[in-house]
Amino acid sequence: MAENGSGGGIETQWWWWWAMASMAQLGWGVSAYKRGYAGDSRLMPLKAFAVASLFLGSAASASIASLQASGIHKVQDFVDLGANIRTGIGAPPRVAKEKADDR
């Protein structure tokens, strides 16, 4: 647990839950994929969609877990990370394009 900067409350590290959800969905998806399909062929598209949804959900949960674990919580955190990377590799900073009324 980590202290929350506002009000001295306790903030739980939720990224563990996202990581565990990702692992569970991935395991369930692999299990369903390996089992294959035995049954009415008209329901095969539904099973394929369900298995694909498990893999997609697993990737989404893993992405959220990695962002939460790395401390990226807002879009501005991504912007700052990009600026730090550009500075680190020696690239010039990006300048926001101004909308000029040249029309």
PDB file of N, CA and C in Angstrom:
ATOM      1  N   MET A   1       0.835  -1.172   0.000  1.00  0.00           N
ATOM      2  CA  MET A   1       0.000   0.000   0.000  1.00  0.00           C
ATOM      3  C   MET A   1       0.886   1.244   0.000  1.00  0.00           C
ATOM      4  N   ALA A   2       0.406   2.247  -0.640  1.00  0.00           N
ATOM      5  CA  ALA A   2       1.152   3.500  -0.720  1.00  0.00           C
ATOM      6  C   ALA A   2       0.259   4.626  -0.231  1.00  0.00           C
ATOM      7  N   GLU A   3       0.876   5.624   0.322  1.00  0.00           N
ATOM      8  CA  GLU A   3       0.084   6.766   0.786  1.00  0.00           C
ATOM      9  C   GLU A   3      -0.345   7.605  -0.392  1.00  0.00           C
ATOM     10  N   ASN A   4      -1.551   8.070  -0.321  1.00  0.00           N
ATOM     11  CA  ASN A   4      -2.081   8.958  -1.342  1.00  0.00           C
ATOM     12  C   ASN A   4      -1.707  10.387  -0.957  1.00  0.00           C
ATOM     13  N   GLY A   5      -1.235  11.175  -1.889  1.00  0.00           N
ATOM     14  CA  GLY A   5      -0.760  12.522  -1.591  1.00  0.00           C
ATOM     15  C   GLY A   5      -1.840  13.479  -1.135  1.00  0.00           C
ATOM     16  N   SER A   6      -3.088  13.202  -1.402  1.00  0.00           N
ATOM     17  CA  SER A   6      -4.153  14.134  -1.025  1.00  0.00           C
ATOM     18  C   SER A   6      -4.912  13.606   0.184  1.00  0.00           C
ATOM     19  N   GLY A   7      -4.761  14.265   1.302  1.00  0.00           N
ATOM     20  CA  GLY A   7      -5.523  13.913   2.480  1.00  0.00           C
ATOM     21  C   GLY A   7      -4.921  12.824   3.335  1.00  0.00           C
ATOM     22  N   GLY A   8      -3.790  12.276   2.963  1.00  0.00           N
ATOM     23  CA  GLY A   8      -3.124  11.271   3.779  1.00  0.00           C
ATOM     24  C   GLY A   8      -3.816   9.918   3.792  1.00  0.00           C
ATOM     25  N   GLY A   9      -4.717   9.651   2.837  1.00  0.00           N
ATOM     26  CA  GLY A   9      -5.398   8.360   2.780  1.00  0.00           C
ATOM     27  C   GLY A   9      -4.485   7.280   2.223  1.00  0.00           C
ATOM     28  N   ILE A  10      -4.958   6.074   2.259  1.00  0.00           N
ATOM     29  CA  ILE A  10      -4.195   4.938   1.748  1.00  0.00           C
ATOM     30  C   ILE A  10      -4.743   4.568   0.373  1.00  0.00           C
ATOM     31  N   GLU A  11      -3.836   4.386  -0.575  1.00  0.00           N
ATOM     32  CA  GLU A  11      -4.216   4.021  -1.938  1.00  0.00           C
ATOM     33  C   GLU A  11      -3.714   2.604  -2.203  1.00  0.00           C
ATOM     34  N   THR A  12      -4.618   1.710  -2.576  1.00  0.00           N
ATOM     35  CA  THR A  12      -4.238   0.339  -2.877  1.00  0.00           C
ATOM     36  C   THR A  12      -3.624   0.284  -4.268  1.00  0.00           C
ATOM     37  N   GLN A  13      -2.650  -0.585  -4.430  1.00  0.00           N
ATOM     38  CA  GLN A  13      -2.025  -0.758  -5.738  1.00  0.00           C
ATOM     39  C   GLN A  13      -2.872  -1.743  -6.534  1.00  0.00           C
ATOM     40  N   TRP A  14      -3.769  -1.194  -7.344  1.00  0.00           N
ATOM     41  CA  TRP A  14      -4.736  -1.999  -8.072  1.00  0.00           C
ATOM     42  C   TRP A  14      -4.134  -2.731  -9.256  1.00  0.00           C
ATOM     43  N   TRP A  15      -2.941  -2.423  -9.669  1.00  0.00           N
ATOM     44  CA  TRP A  15      -2.403  -3.056 -10.865  1.00  0.00           C
ATOM     45  C   TRP A  15      -2.216  -4.554 -10.684  1.00  0.00           C
ATOM     46  N   TRP A  16      -2.077  -5.014  -9.458  1.00  0.00           N
ATOM     47  CA  TRP A  16      -1.979  -6.468  -9.221  1.00  0.00           C
ATOM     48  C   TRP A  16      -3.253  -7.164  -9.672  1.00  0.00           C
ATOM     49  N   TRP A  17      -4.402  -6.531  -9.403  1.00  0.00           N
ATOM     50  CA  TRP A  17      -5.665  -7.122  -9.814  1.00  0.00           C
ATOM     51  C   TRP A  17      -5.772  -7.180 -11.337  1.00  0.00           C
ATOM     52  N   TRP A  18      -5.313  -6.135 -12.002  1.00  0.00           N
ATOM     53  CA  TRP A  18      -5.337  -6.126 -13.466  1.00  0.00           C
ATOM     54  C   TRP A  18      -4.426  -7.217 -14.021  1.00  0.00           C
ATOM     55  N   ALA A  19      -3.258  -7.387 -13.419  1.00  0.00           N
ATOM     56  CA  ALA A  19      -2.325  -8.419 -13.877  1.00  0.00           C
ATOM     57  C   ALA A  19      -2.917  -9.817 -13.673  1.00  0.00           C
ATOM     58  N   MET A  20      -3.550 -10.044 -12.534  1.00  0.00           N
ATOM     59  CA  MET A  20      -4.151 -11.350 -12.271  1.00  0.00           C
ATOM     60  C   MET A  20      -5.327 -11.604 -13.224  1.00  0.00           C
ATOM     61  N   ALA A  21      -6.106 -10.582 -13.516  1.00  0.00           N
ATOM     62  CA  ALA A  21      -7.205 -10.729 -14.470  1.00  0.00           C
ATOM     63  C   ALA A  21      -6.672 -11.072 -15.852  1.00  0.00           C
ATOM     64  N   SER A  22      -5.565 -10.448 -16.222  1.00  0.00           N
ATOM     65  CA  SER A  22      -4.955 -10.717 -17.519  1.00  0.00           C
ATOM     66  C   SER A  22      -4.488 -12.166 -17.609  1.00  0.00           C
ATOM     67  N   MET A  23      -3.833 -12.634 -16.557  1.00  0.00           N
ATOM     68  CA  MET A  23      -3.353 -14.022 -16.565  1.00  0.00           C
ATOM     69  C   MET A  23      -4.518 -15.005 -16.611  1.00  0.00           C
ATOM     70  N   ALA A  24      -5.579 -14.728 -15.865  1.00  0.00           N
ATOM     71  CA  ALA A  24      -6.739 -15.620 -15.864  1.00  0.00           C
ATOM     72  C   ALA A  24      -7.397 -15.669 -17.240  1.00  0.00           C
ATOM     73  N   GLN A  25      -7.564 -14.514 -17.874  1.00  0.00           N
ATOM     74  CA  GLN A  25      -8.182 -14.482 -19.202  1.00  0.00           C
ATOM     75  C   GLN A  25      -7.310 -15.177 -20.228  1.00  0.00           C
ATOM     76  N   LEU A  26      -6.010 -14.980 -20.152  1.00  0.00           N
ATOM     77  CA  LEU A  26      -5.110 -15.633 -21.096  1.00  0.00           C
ATOM     78  C   LEU A  26      -5.163 -17.149 -20.919  1.00  0.00           C
ATOM     79  N   GLY A  27      -5.118 -17.599 -19.667  1.00  0.00           N
ATOM     80  CA  GLY A  27      -5.194 -19.044 -19.407  1.00  0.00           C
ATOM     81  C   GLY A  27      -6.503 -19.640 -19.897  1.00  0.00           C
ATOM     82  N   TRP A  28      -7.611 -18.947 -19.651  1.00  0.00           N
ATOM     83  CA  TRP A  28      -8.907 -19.418 -20.090  1.00  0.00           C
ATOM     84  C   TRP A  28      -8.980 -19.442 -21.614  1.00  0.00           C
ATOM     85  N   GLY A  29      -8.422 -18.425 -22.262  1.00  0.00           N
ATOM     86  CA  GLY A  29      -8.423 -18.375 -23.725  1.00  0.00           C
ATOM     87  C   GLY A  29      -7.601 -19.488 -24.339  1.00  0.00           C
ATOM     88  N   VAL A  30      -6.419 -19.750 -23.789  1.00  0.00           N
ATOM     89  CA  VAL A  30      -5.563 -20.833 -24.301  1.00  0.00           C
ATOM     90  C   VAL A  30      -6.255 -22.179 -24.093  1.00  0.00           C
ATOM     91  N   SER A  31      -6.861 -22.350 -22.923  1.00  0.00           N
ATOM     92  CA  SER A  31      -7.568 -23.599 -22.635  1.00  0.00           C
ATOM     93  C   SER A  31      -8.710 -23.821 -23.618  1.00  0.00           C
ATOM     94  N   ALA A  32      -9.493 -22.782 -23.863  1.00  0.00           N
ATOM     95  CA  ALA A  32     -10.614 -22.904 -24.801  1.00  0.00           C
ATOM     96  C   ALA A  32     -10.126 -23.146 -26.223  1.00  0.00           C
ATOM     97  N   TYR A  33      -9.012 -22.534 -26.583  1.00  0.00           N
ATOM     98  CA  TYR A  33      -8.461 -22.705 -27.935  1.00  0.00           C
ATOM     99  C   TYR A  33      -7.956 -24.131 -28.131  1.00  0.00           C
ATOM    100  N   LYS A  34      -7.259 -24.670 -27.115  1.00  0.00           N
ATOM    101  CA  LYS A  34      -6.719 -26.029 -27.218  1.00  0.00           C
ATOM    102  C   LYS A  34      -7.824 -27.081 -27.250  1.00  0.00           C
ATOM    103  N   ARG A  35      -8.923 -26.830 -26.522  1.00  0.00           N
ATOM    104  CA  ARG A  35     -10.039 -27.764 -26.484  1.00  0.00           C
ATOM    105  C   ARG A  35     -10.705 -27.894 -27.841  1.00  0.00           C
ATOM    106  N   GLY A  36     -10.627 -26.854 -28.623  1.00  0.00           N
ATOM    107  CA  GLY A  36     -11.274 -26.869 -29.928  1.00  0.00           C
ATOM    108  C   GLY A  36     -12.772 -26.733 -29.790  1.00  0.00           C
ATOM    109  N   TYR A  37     -13.487 -27.207 -30.787  1.00  0.00           N
ATOM    110  CA  TYR A  37     -14.938 -27.093 -30.752  1.00  0.00           C
ATOM    111  C   TYR A  37     -15.554 -28.411 -31.172  1.00  0.00           C
ATOM    112  N   ALA A  38     -16.418 -28.926 -30.338  1.00  0.00           N
ATOM    113  CA  ALA A  38     -17.166 -30.133 -30.664  1.00  0.00           C
ATOM    114  C   ALA A  38     -18.624 -29.823 -30.356  1.00  0.00           C
ATOM    115  N   GLY A  39     -19.435 -29.799 -31.350  1.00  0.00           N
ATOM    116  CA  GLY A  39     -20.842 -29.488 -31.136  1.00  0.00           C
ATOM    117  C   GLY A  39     -21.478 -29.006 -32.419  1.00  0.00           C
ATOM    118  N   ASP A  40     -22.548 -28.305 -32.259  1.00  0.00           N
ATOM    119  CA  ASP A  40     -23.290 -27.797 -33.397  1.00  0.00           C
ATOM    120  C   ASP A  40     -22.452 -26.764 -34.151  1.00  0.00           C
ATOM    121  N   SER A  41     -22.252 -26.992 -35.434  1.00  0.00           N
ATOM    122  CA  SER A  41     -21.386 -26.112 -36.225  1.00  0.00           C
ATOM    123  C   SER A  41     -21.961 -24.704 -36.359  1.00  0.00           C
ATOM    124  N   ARG A  42     -23.266 -24.539 -36.128  1.00  0.00           N
ATOM    125  CA  ARG A  42     -23.863 -23.202 -36.240  1.00  0.00           C
ATOM    126  C   ARG A  42     -23.396 -22.287 -35.111  1.00  0.00           C
ATOM    127  N   LEU A  43     -22.921 -22.863 -34.004  1.00  0.00           N
ATOM    128  CA  LEU A  43     -22.465 -22.058 -32.872  1.00  0.00           C
ATOM    129  C   LEU A  43     -20.958 -21.782 -32.905  1.00  0.00           C
ATOM    130  N   MET A  44     -20.266 -22.307 -33.911  1.00  0.00           N
ATOM    131  CA  MET A  44     -18.819 -22.107 -34.007  1.00  0.00           C
ATOM    132  C   MET A  44     -18.423 -20.631 -34.053  1.00  0.00           C
ATOM    133  N   PRO A  45     -19.104 -19.771 -34.799  1.00  0.00           N
ATOM    134  CA  PRO A  45     -18.726 -18.354 -34.786  1.00  0.00           C
ATOM    135  C   PRO A  45     -18.829 -17.724 -33.396  1.00  0.00           C
ATOM    136  N   LEU A  46     -19.822 -18.144 -32.616  1.00  0.00           N
ATOM    137  CA  LEU A  46     -19.964 -17.630 -31.255  1.00  0.00           C
ATOM    138  C   LEU A  46     -18.774 -18.045 -30.389  1.00  0.00           C
ATOM    139  N   LYS A  47     -18.354 -19.301 -30.505  1.00  0.00           N
ATOM    140  CA  LYS A  47     -17.196 -19.778 -29.726  1.00  0.00           C
ATOM    141  C   LYS A  47     -15.929 -19.046 -30.173  1.00  0.00           C
ATOM    142  N   ALA A  48     -15.750 -18.849 -31.473  1.00  0.00           N
ATOM    143  CA  ALA A  48     -14.574 -18.141 -31.977  1.00  0.00           C
ATOM    144  C   ALA A  48     -14.548 -16.707 -31.456  1.00  0.00           C
ATOM    145  N   PHE A  49     -15.708 -16.058 -31.444  1.00  0.00           N
ATOM    146  CA  PHE A  49     -15.793 -14.698 -30.915  1.00  0.00           C
ATOM    147  C   PHE A  49     -15.465 -14.679 -29.428  1.00  0.00           C
ATOM    148  N   ALA A  50     -15.967 -15.652 -28.682  1.00  0.00           N
ATOM    149  CA  ALA A  50     -15.706 -15.711 -27.236  1.00  0.00           C
ATOM    150  C   ALA A  50     -14.222 -15.900 -26.947  1.00  0.00           C
ATOM    151  N   VAL A  51     -13.567 -16.785 -27.677  1.00  0.00           N
ATOM    152  CA  VAL A  51     -12.136 -17.026 -27.461  1.00  0.00           C
ATOM    153  C   VAL A  51     -11.330 -15.785 -27.854  1.00  0.00           C
ATOM    154  N   ALA A  52     -11.678 -15.161 -28.968  1.00  0.00           N
ATOM    155  CA  ALA A  52     -10.985 -13.934 -29.380  1.00  0.00           C
ATOM    156  C   ALA A  52     -11.177 -12.831 -28.345  1.00  0.00           C
ATOM    157  N   SER A  53     -12.374 -12.749 -27.758  1.00  0.00           N
ATOM    158  CA  SER A  53     -12.632 -11.754 -26.717  1.00  0.00           C
ATOM    159  C   SER A  53     -11.780 -11.998 -25.494  1.00  0.00           C
ATOM    160  N   LEU A  54     -11.540 -13.259 -25.155  1.00  0.00           N
ATOM    161  CA  LEU A  54     -10.675 -13.571 -24.018  1.00  0.00           C
ATOM    162  C   LEU A  54      -9.243 -13.087 -24.274  1.00  0.00           C
ATOM    163  N   PHE A  55      -8.743 -13.330 -25.479  1.00  0.00           N
ATOM    164  CA  PHE A  55      -7.386 -12.878 -25.790  1.00  0.00           C
ATOM    165  C   PHE A  55      -7.297 -11.355 -25.815  1.00  0.00           C
ATOM    166  N   LEU A  56      -8.305 -10.693 -26.366  1.00  0.00           N
ATOM    167  CA  LEU A  56      -8.323  -9.241 -26.410  1.00  0.00           C
ATOM    168  C   LEU A  56      -8.438  -8.658 -25.002  1.00  0.00           C
ATOM    169  N   GLY A  57      -9.290  -9.246 -24.186  1.00  0.00           N
ATOM    170  CA  GLY A  57      -9.430  -8.804 -22.797  1.00  0.00           C
ATOM    171  C   GLY A  57      -8.153  -8.994 -22.009  1.00  0.00           C
ATOM    172  N   SER A  58      -7.451 -10.077 -22.280  1.00  0.00           N
ATOM    173  CA  SER A  58      -6.180 -10.332 -21.617  1.00  0.00           C
ATOM    174  C   SER A  58      -5.157  -9.263 -21.970  1.00  0.00           C
ATOM    175  N   ALA A  59      -5.099  -8.900 -23.244  1.00  0.00           N
ATOM    176  CA  ALA A  59      -4.154  -7.856 -23.670  1.00  0.00           C
ATOM    177  C   ALA A  59      -4.512  -6.503 -23.051  1.00  0.00           C
ATOM    178  N   ALA A  60      -5.796  -6.195 -22.982  1.00  0.00           N
ATOM    179  CA  ALA A  60      -6.227  -4.923 -22.396  1.00  0.00           C
ATOM    180  C   ALA A  60      -5.900  -4.881 -20.901  1.00  0.00           C
ATOM    181  N   SER A  61      -6.167  -5.970 -20.195  1.00  0.00           N
ATOM    182  CA  SER A  61      -5.870  -6.018 -18.758  1.00  0.00           C
ATOM    183  C   SER A  61      -4.370  -5.906 -18.503  1.00  0.00           C
ATOM    184  N   ALA A  62      -3.565  -6.565 -19.333  1.00  0.00           N
ATOM    185  CA  ALA A  62      -2.112  -6.483 -19.176  1.00  0.00           C
ATOM    186  C   ALA A  62      -1.620  -5.067 -19.446  1.00  0.00           C
ATOM    187  N   SER A  63      -2.220  -4.386 -20.410  1.00  0.00           N
ATOM    188  CA  SER A  63      -1.829  -2.999 -20.708  1.00  0.00           C
ATOM    189  C   SER A  63      -2.133  -2.080 -19.536  1.00  0.00           C
ATOM    190  N   ILE A  64      -3.321  -2.219 -18.969  1.00  0.00           N
ATOM    191  CA  ILE A  64      -3.703  -1.393 -17.821  1.00  0.00           C
ATOM    192  C   ILE A  64      -2.774  -1.675 -16.646  1.00  0.00           C
ATOM    193  N   ALA A  65      -2.468  -2.949 -16.407  1.00  0.00           N
ATOM    194  CA  ALA A  65      -1.580  -3.317 -15.300  1.00  0.00           C
ATOM    195  C   ALA A  65      -0.201  -2.704 -15.475  1.00  0.00           C
ATOM    196  N   SER A  66       0.339  -2.753 -16.696  1.00  0.00           N
ATOM    197  CA  SER A  66       1.674  -2.194 -16.913  1.00  0.00           C
ATOM    198  C   SER A  66       1.681  -0.679 -16.758  1.00  0.00           C
ATOM    199  N   LEU A  67       0.617  -0.014 -17.222  1.00  0.00           N
ATOM    200  CA  LEU A  67       0.538   1.436 -17.052  1.00  0.00           C
ATOM    201  C   LEU A  67       0.424   1.814 -15.582  1.00  0.00           C
ATOM    202  N   GLN A  68      -0.420   1.108 -14.845  1.00  0.00           N
ATOM    203  CA  GLN A  68      -0.592   1.403 -13.427  1.00  0.00           C
ATOM    204  C   GLN A  68       0.696   1.126 -12.653  1.00  0.00           C
ATOM    205  N   ALA A  69       1.379   0.032 -12.979  1.00  0.00           N
ATOM    206  CA  ALA A  69       2.615  -0.320 -12.273  1.00  0.00           C
ATOM    207  C   ALA A  69       3.731   0.678 -12.555  1.00  0.00           C
ATOM    208  N   SER A  70       3.740   1.261 -13.764  1.00  0.00           N
ATOM    209  CA  SER A  70       4.795   2.205 -14.119  1.00  0.00           C
ATOM    210  C   SER A  70       4.514   3.621 -13.637  1.00  0.00           C
ATOM    211  N   GLY A  71       3.325   3.863 -13.107  1.00  0.00           N
ATOM    212  CA  GLY A  71       2.996   5.180 -12.574  1.00  0.00           C
ATOM    213  C   GLY A  71       2.364   6.119 -13.582  1.00  0.00           C
ATOM    214  N   ILE A  72       1.994   5.603 -14.745  1.00  0.00           N
ATOM    215  CA  ILE A  72       1.339   6.428 -15.757  1.00  0.00           C
ATOM    216  C   ILE A  72      -0.156   6.351 -15.516  1.00  0.00           C
ATOM    217  N   HIS A  73      -0.755   7.488 -15.121  1.00  0.00           N
ATOM    218  CA  HIS A  73      -2.166   7.511 -14.782  1.00  0.00           C
ATOM    219  C   HIS A  73      -2.976   8.478 -15.636  1.00  0.00           C
ATOM    220  N   LYS A  74      -2.310   9.425 -16.297  1.00  0.00           N
ATOM    221  CA  LYS A  74      -3.015  10.435 -17.094  1.00  0.00           C
ATOM    222  C   LYS A  74      -2.329  10.573 -18.444  1.00  0.00           C
ATOM    223  N   VAL A  75      -3.015  11.203 -19.371  1.00  0.00           N
ATOM    224  CA  VAL A  75      -2.440  11.444 -20.695  1.00  0.00           C
ATOM    225  C   VAL A  75      -1.209  12.335 -20.575  1.00  0.00           C
ATOM    226  N   GLN A  76      -1.240  13.287 -19.662  1.00  0.00           N
ATOM    227  CA  GLN A  76      -0.097  14.183 -19.477  1.00  0.00           C
ATOM    228  C   GLN A  76       1.156  13.389 -19.073  1.00  0.00           C
ATOM    229  N   ASP A  77       0.987  12.286 -18.353  1.00  0.00           N
ATOM    230  CA  ASP A  77       2.124  11.432 -18.008  1.00  0.00           C
ATOM    231  C   ASP A  77       2.761  10.853 -19.271  1.00  0.00           C
ATOM    232  N   PHE A  78       1.929  10.480 -20.266  1.00  0.00           N
ATOM    233  CA  PHE A  78       2.454   9.990 -21.543  1.00  0.00           C
ATOM    234  C   PHE A  78       3.202  11.086 -22.284  1.00  0.00           C
ATOM    235  N   VAL A  79       2.646  12.290 -22.275  1.00  0.00           N
ATOM    236  CA  VAL A  79       3.292  13.420 -22.953  1.00  0.00           C
ATOM    237  C   VAL A  79       4.653  13.692 -22.323  1.00  0.00           C
ATOM    238  N   ASP A  80       4.703  13.683 -20.998  1.00  0.00           N
ATOM    239  CA  ASP A  80       5.974  13.903 -20.302  1.00  0.00           C
ATOM    240  C   ASP A  80       6.968  12.790 -20.606  1.00  0.00           C
ATOM    241  N   LEU A  81       6.496  11.551 -20.654  1.00  0.00           N
ATOM    242  CA  LEU A  81       7.374  10.422 -20.973  1.00  0.00           C
ATOM    243  C   LEU A  81       7.956  10.583 -22.379  1.00  0.00           C
ATOM    244  N   GLY A  82       7.110  10.956 -23.339  1.00  0.00           N
ATOM    245  CA  GLY A  82       7.587  11.169 -24.706  1.00  0.00           C
ATOM    246  C   GLY A  82       8.619  12.285 -24.782  1.00  0.00           C
ATOM    247  N   ALA A  83       8.387  13.371 -24.054  1.00  0.00           N
ATOM    248  CA  ALA A  83       9.344  14.478 -24.041  1.00  0.00           C
ATOM    249  C   ALA A  83      10.669  14.039 -23.417  1.00  0.00           C
ATOM    250  N   ASN A  84      10.608  13.246 -22.363  1.00  0.00           N
ATOM    251  CA  ASN A  84      11.834  12.750 -21.734  1.00  0.00           C
ATOM    252  C   ASN A  84      12.605  11.828 -22.667  1.00  0.00           C
ATOM    253  N   ILE A  85      11.899  10.981 -23.414  1.00  0.00           N
ATOM    254  CA  ILE A  85      12.571  10.086 -24.361  1.00  0.00           C
ATOM    255  C   ILE A  85      13.222  10.891 -25.477  1.00  0.00           C
ATOM    256  N   ARG A  86      12.476  11.883 -26.012  1.00  0.00           N
ATOM    257  CA  ARG A  86      13.051  12.716 -27.079  1.00  0.00           C
ATOM    258  C   ARG A  86      14.295  13.458 -26.587  1.00  0.00           C
ATOM    259  N   THR A  87      14.253  13.969 -25.356  1.00  0.00           N
ATOM    260  CA  THR A  87      15.411  14.658 -24.791  1.00  0.00           C
ATOM    261  C   THR A  87      16.576  13.689 -24.620  1.00  0.00           C
ATOM    262  N   GLY A  88      16.252  12.472 -24.167  1.00  0.00           N
ATOM    263  CA  GLY A  88      17.287  11.464 -23.934  1.00  0.00           C
ATOM    264  C   GLY A  88      18.013  11.026 -25.187  1.00  0.00           C
ATOM    265  N   ILE A  89      17.298  10.986 -26.321  1.00  0.00           N
ATOM    266  CA  ILE A  89      17.954  10.564 -27.562  1.00  0.00           C
ATOM    267  C   ILE A  89      18.505  11.736 -28.354  1.00  0.00           C
ATOM    268  N   GLY A  90      18.310  12.937 -27.846  1.00  0.00           N
ATOM    269  CA  GLY A  90      18.888  14.115 -28.491  1.00  0.00           C
ATOM    270  C   GLY A  90      18.039  14.703 -29.599  1.00  0.00           C
ATOM    271  N   ALA A  91      16.777  14.294 -29.702  1.00  0.00           N
ATOM    272  CA  ALA A  91      15.888  14.838 -30.734  1.00  0.00           C
ATOM    273  C   ALA A  91      15.335  16.181 -30.257  1.00  0.00           C
ATOM    274  N   PRO A  92      15.115  17.102 -31.181  1.00  0.00           N
ATOM    275  CA  PRO A  92      14.553  18.399 -30.769  1.00  0.00           C
ATOM    276  C   PRO A  92      13.124  18.222 -30.263  1.00  0.00           C
ATOM    277  N   PRO A  93      12.711  19.048 -29.313  1.00  0.00           N
ATOM    278  CA  PRO A  93      11.341  18.933 -28.796  1.00  0.00           C
ATOM    279  C   PRO A  93      10.311  19.302 -29.847  1.00  0.00           C
ATOM    280  N   ARG A  94       9.169  18.671 -29.763  1.00  0.00           N
ATOM    281  CA  ARG A  94       8.089  18.973 -30.708  1.00  0.00           C
ATOM    282  C   ARG A  94       7.430  20.282 -30.313  1.00  0.00           C
ATOM    283  N   VAL A  95       7.086  21.051 -31.312  1.00  0.00           N
ATOM    284  CA  VAL A  95       6.407  22.320 -31.087  1.00  0.00           C
ATOM    285  C   VAL A  95       4.965  22.141 -31.530  1.00  0.00           C
ATOM    286  N   ALA A  96       4.041  22.533 -30.698  1.00  0.00           N
ATOM    287  CA  ALA A  96       2.621  22.414 -31.033  1.00  0.00           C
ATOM    288  C   ALA A  96       2.315  23.265 -32.263  1.00  0.00           C
ATOM    289  N   LYS A  97       1.599  22.700 -33.192  1.00  0.00           N
ATOM    290  CA  LYS A  97       1.205  23.443 -34.393  1.00  0.00           C
ATOM    291  C   LYS A  97       0.105  24.423 -34.025  1.00  0.00           C
ATOM    292  N   GLU A  98       0.326  25.660 -34.383  1.00  0.00           N
ATOM    293  CA  GLU A  98      -0.680  26.674 -34.115  1.00  0.00           C
ATOM    294  C   GLU A  98      -1.633  26.754 -35.278  1.00  0.00           C
ATOM    295  N   LYS A  99      -2.901  26.913 -34.982  1.00  0.00           N
ATOM    296  CA  LYS A  99      -3.908  27.039 -36.039  1.00  0.00           C
ATOM    297  C   LYS A  99      -3.962  28.497 -36.465  1.00  0.00           C
ATOM    298  N   ALA A 100      -3.302  28.784 -37.516  1.00  0.00           N
ATOM    299  CA  ALA A 100      -3.264  30.154 -38.033  1.00  0.00           C
ATOM    300  C   ALA A 100      -4.471  30.401 -38.928  1.00  0.00           C
ATOM    301  N   ASP A 101      -4.947  31.599 -38.895  1.00  0.00           N
ATOM    302  CA  ASP A 101      -6.069  31.980 -39.738  1.00  0.00           C
ATOM    303  C   ASP A 101      -5.527  32.548 -41.049  1.00  0.00           C
ATOM    304  N   ASP A 102      -4.938  31.644 -41.855  1.00  0.00           N
ATOM    305  CA  ASP A 102      -4.333  32.059 -43.119  1.00  0.00           C
ATOM    306  C   ASP A 102      -5.319  31.961 -44.271  1.00  0.00           C
ATOM    307  N   ARG A 103      -6.535  31.639 -44.008  1.00  0.00           N
ATOM    308  CA  ARG A 103      -7.495  31.413 -45.088  1.00  0.00           C
ATOM    309  C   ARG A 103      -8.002  32.671 -45.671  1.00  0.00           C
TER     310      ARG A 103
END
